[in-house]
Amino acid sequence: MASPSANSKEFISEDEEWNGEKIPIQEVREVSSLEVERRLKRKLDFRIVPAACIIYLLCFLDRSNIVSLTVSLLVTFAKLMQMTREMLKY
């Protein structure tokens, strides 16, 4: 590693560059911690978002089943009431 001058920052090496620029070691450490954080967030997103979507879909299906059950029960109840009224007429 080349020795830096007194007023310059310490660089990785003279040959290594990041996107065409030479960057100080301190900035490399910051970039790598940001990269680790970004990867961790992406990993969590890939695990949490599909599970949340599946749960949301199941809740939607459950709600629609409850509504259709309620409607069918109301229709059945209405038919029973109509049959009862007809029986009471005689």
N, C-alpha and C. Protein backbone atom coordinates (compact mmCIF):
# COMPACT_ATOMS: atom_id res chain seq x y z
N MET A 1 0.84 -1.17 0.00
CA MET A 1 0.00 0.00 0.00
C MET A 1 0.89 1.24 0.00
N ALA A 2 0.53 2.18 -0.81
CA ALA A 2 1.32 3.40 -0.89
C ALA A 2 1.11 4.24 0.35
N SER A 3 2.17 4.87 0.81
CA SER A 3 2.03 5.71 2.01
C SER A 3 1.42 7.04 1.62
N PRO A 4 0.35 7.43 2.32
CA PRO A 4 -0.30 8.70 1.99
C PRO A 4 0.52 9.88 2.49
N SER A 5 0.34 10.99 1.85
CA SER A 5 1.03 12.18 2.30
C SER A 5 0.37 12.71 3.57
N ALA A 6 0.98 13.66 4.22
CA ALA A 6 0.50 14.16 5.50
C ALA A 6 -0.87 14.83 5.41
N ASN A 7 -1.17 15.48 4.32
CA ASN A 7 -2.45 16.18 4.23
C ASN A 7 -3.51 15.42 3.44
N SER A 8 -3.23 14.21 2.97
CA SER A 8 -4.23 13.45 2.21
C SER A 8 -4.80 12.31 3.07
N LYS A 9 -5.93 11.78 2.64
CA LYS A 9 -6.54 10.68 3.35
C LYS A 9 -5.91 9.36 2.91
N GLU A 10 -6.12 8.33 3.69
CA GLU A 10 -5.57 7.02 3.36
C GLU A 10 -6.52 6.34 2.37
N PHE A 11 -5.97 5.89 1.25
CA PHE A 11 -6.77 5.24 0.23
C PHE A 11 -6.57 3.73 0.29
N ILE A 12 -7.49 2.99 -0.32
CA ILE A 12 -7.41 1.53 -0.32
C ILE A 12 -6.10 1.11 -0.96
N SER A 13 -5.91 1.44 -2.16
CA SER A 13 -4.63 1.28 -2.84
C SER A 13 -4.66 2.17 -4.07
N GLU A 14 -3.53 2.32 -4.69
CA GLU A 14 -3.49 3.20 -5.85
C GLU A 14 -4.22 2.57 -7.03
N ASP A 15 -4.33 1.25 -7.06
CA ASP A 15 -4.93 0.55 -8.19
C ASP A 15 -6.45 0.38 -8.03
N GLU A 16 -6.95 0.27 -6.81
CA GLU A 16 -8.36 -0.01 -6.59
C GLU A 16 -9.18 1.27 -6.70
N GLU A 17 -10.28 1.16 -7.42
CA GLU A 17 -11.17 2.29 -7.61
C GLU A 17 -12.60 1.83 -7.41
N TRP A 18 -13.47 2.74 -7.08
CA TRP A 18 -14.90 2.45 -6.90
C TRP A 18 -15.64 3.35 -7.87
N ASN A 19 -16.26 2.77 -8.87
CA ASN A 19 -16.97 3.52 -9.91
C ASN A 19 -16.08 4.58 -10.55
N GLY A 20 -14.84 4.23 -10.79
CA GLY A 20 -13.93 5.15 -11.46
C GLY A 20 -13.28 6.18 -10.56
N GLU A 21 -13.54 6.14 -9.26
CA GLU A 21 -12.96 7.12 -8.34
C GLU A 21 -12.18 6.41 -7.25
N LYS A 22 -11.12 7.02 -6.84
CA LYS A 22 -10.41 6.51 -5.67
C LYS A 22 -11.11 7.09 -4.44
N ILE A 23 -11.40 6.25 -3.48
CA ILE A 23 -12.12 6.72 -2.30
C ILE A 23 -11.36 6.35 -1.03
N PRO A 24 -11.50 7.15 0.00
CA PRO A 24 -10.82 6.87 1.26
C PRO A 24 -11.39 5.62 1.94
N ILE A 25 -10.59 4.98 2.78
CA ILE A 25 -11.00 3.77 3.50
C ILE A 25 -12.23 4.04 4.36
N GLN A 26 -12.28 5.18 5.02
CA GLN A 26 -13.42 5.49 5.88
C GLN A 26 -14.71 5.49 5.07
N GLU A 27 -14.70 6.04 3.87
CA GLU A 27 -15.89 6.06 3.04
C GLU A 27 -16.24 4.65 2.57
N VAL A 28 -15.24 3.81 2.35
CA VAL A 28 -15.49 2.43 1.95
C VAL A 28 -16.23 1.70 3.07
N ARG A 29 -15.81 1.93 4.29
CA ARG A 29 -16.48 1.30 5.42
C ARG A 29 -17.93 1.77 5.52
N GLU A 30 -18.18 3.05 5.28
CA GLU A 30 -19.54 3.57 5.32
C GLU A 30 -20.38 2.98 4.19
N VAL A 31 -19.79 2.87 3.02
CA VAL A 31 -20.50 2.31 1.88
C VAL A 31 -20.83 0.85 2.16
N SER A 32 -19.91 0.12 2.70
CA SER A 32 -20.16 -1.30 2.95
C SER A 32 -21.24 -1.48 4.02
N SER A 33 -21.27 -0.62 5.05
CA SER A 33 -22.32 -0.75 6.05
C SER A 33 -23.68 -0.37 5.45
N LEU A 34 -23.70 0.61 4.55
CA LEU A 34 -24.94 0.95 3.85
C LEU A 34 -25.37 -0.19 2.94
N GLU A 35 -24.41 -0.83 2.30
CA GLU A 35 -24.71 -1.97 1.43
C GLU A 35 -25.27 -3.13 2.24
N VAL A 36 -24.70 -3.38 3.40
CA VAL A 36 -25.20 -4.45 4.27
C VAL A 36 -26.62 -4.14 4.73
N GLU A 37 -26.87 -2.89 5.10
CA GLU A 37 -28.21 -2.49 5.53
C GLU A 37 -29.21 -2.63 4.39
N ARG A 38 -28.83 -2.25 3.17
CA ARG A 38 -29.71 -2.36 2.01
C ARG A 38 -30.03 -3.82 1.72
N ARG A 39 -29.02 -4.68 1.79
CA ARG A 39 -29.24 -6.10 1.55
C ARG A 39 -30.14 -6.71 2.62
N LEU A 40 -29.95 -6.30 3.87
CA LEU A 40 -30.78 -6.81 4.95
C LEU A 40 -32.24 -6.39 4.76
N LYS A 41 -32.46 -5.13 4.40
CA LYS A 41 -33.82 -4.66 4.15
C LYS A 41 -34.46 -5.42 3.00
N ARG A 42 -33.70 -5.64 1.94
CA ARG A 42 -34.23 -6.38 0.80
C ARG A 42 -34.57 -7.81 1.18
N LYS A 43 -33.71 -8.43 1.97
CA LYS A 43 -33.96 -9.80 2.42
C LYS A 43 -35.22 -9.88 3.27
N LEU A 44 -35.38 -8.93 4.17
CA LEU A 44 -36.58 -8.90 5.00
C LEU A 44 -37.82 -8.63 4.16
N ASP A 45 -37.70 -7.73 3.18
CA ASP A 45 -38.83 -7.44 2.30
C ASP A 45 -39.26 -8.68 1.54
N PHE A 46 -38.30 -9.46 1.05
CA PHE A 46 -38.64 -10.67 0.30
C PHE A 46 -39.27 -11.74 1.18
N ARG A 47 -39.07 -11.67 2.48
CA ARG A 47 -39.68 -12.65 3.38
C ARG A 47 -41.01 -12.15 3.95
N ILE A 48 -41.10 -10.87 4.26
CA ILE A 48 -42.29 -10.34 4.93
C ILE A 48 -43.42 -10.02 3.95
N VAL A 49 -43.11 -9.38 2.84
CA VAL A 49 -44.14 -8.93 1.90
C VAL A 49 -44.95 -10.11 1.34
N PRO A 50 -44.35 -11.20 0.88
CA PRO A 50 -45.19 -12.31 0.39
C PRO A 50 -46.09 -12.89 1.48
N ALA A 51 -45.57 -13.02 2.69
CA ALA A 51 -46.39 -13.55 3.79
C ALA A 51 -47.55 -12.61 4.09
N ALA A 52 -47.29 -11.31 4.09
CA ALA A 52 -48.36 -10.34 4.35
C ALA A 52 -49.40 -10.37 3.24
N CYS A 53 -48.98 -10.54 2.00
CA CYS A 53 -49.93 -10.62 0.88
C CYS A 53 -50.81 -11.86 1.00
N ILE A 54 -50.21 -12.98 1.37
CA ILE A 54 -50.98 -14.22 1.53
C ILE A 54 -52.00 -14.07 2.65
N ILE A 55 -51.58 -13.48 3.76
CA ILE A 55 -52.50 -13.28 4.89
C ILE A 55 -53.63 -12.34 4.48
N TYR A 56 -53.30 -11.28 3.75
CA TYR A 56 -54.33 -10.34 3.27
C TYR A 56 -55.32 -11.05 2.36
N LEU A 57 -54.81 -11.89 1.44
CA LEU A 57 -55.69 -12.64 0.54
C LEU A 57 -56.60 -13.58 1.32
N LEU A 58 -56.07 -14.27 2.31
CA LEU A 58 -56.89 -15.17 3.12
C LEU A 58 -57.97 -14.40 3.88
N CYS A 59 -57.63 -13.24 4.41
CA CYS A 59 -58.62 -12.41 5.11
C CYS A 59 -59.72 -11.96 4.14
N PHE A 60 -59.33 -11.58 2.93
CA PHE A 60 -60.31 -11.16 1.93
C PHE A 60 -61.25 -12.32 1.59
N LEU A 61 -60.67 -13.50 1.37
CA LEU A 61 -61.50 -14.67 1.05
C LEU A 61 -62.44 -15.01 2.20
N ASP A 62 -61.93 -14.90 3.42
CA ASP A 62 -62.76 -15.18 4.59
C ASP A 62 -63.92 -14.19 4.68
N ARG A 63 -63.63 -12.91 4.46
CA ARG A 63 -64.67 -11.89 4.50
C ARG A 63 -65.72 -12.13 3.42
N SER A 64 -65.27 -12.46 2.22
CA SER A 64 -66.24 -12.69 1.14
C SER A 64 -67.06 -13.95 1.42
N ASN A 65 -66.47 -14.96 2.03
CA ASN A 65 -67.23 -16.16 2.38
C ASN A 65 -68.27 -15.85 3.46
N ILE A 66 -67.89 -15.02 4.42
CA ILE A 66 -68.84 -14.64 5.48
C ILE A 66 -70.01 -13.87 4.88
N VAL A 67 -69.72 -12.97 3.94
CA VAL A 67 -70.78 -12.19 3.30
C VAL A 67 -71.69 -13.11 2.50
N SER A 68 -71.11 -14.01 1.72
CA SER A 68 -71.95 -14.91 0.91
C SER A 68 -72.76 -15.85 1.81
N LEU A 69 -72.18 -16.28 2.93
CA LEU A 69 -72.92 -17.12 3.87
C LEU A 69 -74.08 -16.34 4.47
N THR A 70 -73.85 -15.11 4.83
CA THR A 70 -74.90 -14.27 5.40
C THR A 70 -76.03 -14.08 4.40
N VAL A 71 -75.67 -13.80 3.15
CA VAL A 71 -76.69 -13.62 2.11
C VAL A 71 -77.48 -14.90 1.92
N SER A 72 -76.79 -16.04 1.86
CA SER A 72 -77.51 -17.30 1.66
C SER A 72 -78.40 -17.62 2.86
N LEU A 73 -77.95 -17.29 4.08
CA LEU A 73 -78.78 -17.51 5.25
C LEU A 73 -80.01 -16.60 5.24
N LEU A 74 -79.81 -15.36 4.80
CA LEU A 74 -80.95 -14.44 4.70
C LEU A 74 -81.95 -14.92 3.67
N VAL A 75 -81.48 -15.43 2.54
CA VAL A 75 -82.36 -15.94 1.51
C VAL A 75 -83.12 -17.16 2.03
N THR A 76 -82.40 -18.05 2.71
CA THR A 76 -83.04 -19.23 3.29
C THR A 76 -84.07 -18.84 4.33
N PHE A 77 -83.72 -17.87 5.18
CA PHE A 77 -84.65 -17.40 6.20
C PHE A 77 -85.90 -16.78 5.56
N ALA A 78 -85.69 -16.03 4.48
CA ALA A 78 -86.82 -15.41 3.78
C ALA A 78 -87.73 -16.48 3.19
N LYS A 79 -87.13 -17.51 2.63
CA LYS A 79 -87.94 -18.61 2.07
C LYS A 79 -88.72 -19.32 3.17
N LEU A 80 -88.07 -19.54 4.31
CA LEU A 80 -88.76 -20.18 5.44
C LEU A 80 -89.91 -19.32 5.94
N MET A 81 -89.70 -18.01 6.01
CA MET A 81 -90.77 -17.11 6.46
C MET A 81 -91.93 -17.14 5.47
N GLN A 82 -91.63 -17.16 4.18
CA GLN A 82 -92.68 -17.21 3.17
C GLN A 82 -93.46 -18.52 3.28
N MET A 83 -92.75 -19.62 3.47
CA MET A 83 -93.42 -20.91 3.63
C MET A 83 -94.30 -20.93 4.88
N THR A 84 -93.80 -20.31 5.96
CA THR A 84 -94.57 -20.27 7.20
C THR A 84 -95.84 -19.45 7.02
N ARG A 85 -95.74 -18.32 6.34
CA ARG A 85 -96.92 -17.48 6.09
C ARG A 85 -97.95 -18.23 5.25
N GLU A 86 -97.48 -18.95 4.24
CA GLU A 86 -98.39 -19.69 3.39
C GLU A 86 -99.08 -20.81 4.20
N MET A 87 -98.33 -21.43 5.11
CA MET A 87 -98.93 -22.50 5.93
C MET A 87 -99.95 -21.93 6.91
N LEU A 88 -99.71 -20.72 7.40
CA LEU A 88 -100.62 -20.12 8.36
C LEU A 88 -101.92 -19.62 7.70
N LYS A 89 -101.89 -19.40 6.39
CA LYS A 89 -103.09 -18.95 5.69
C LYS A 89 -104.17 -20.03 5.68
N TYR A 90 -103.81 -21.27 5.68
CA TYR A 90 -104.81 -22.35 5.59
C TYR A 90 -105.40 -22.62 6.89
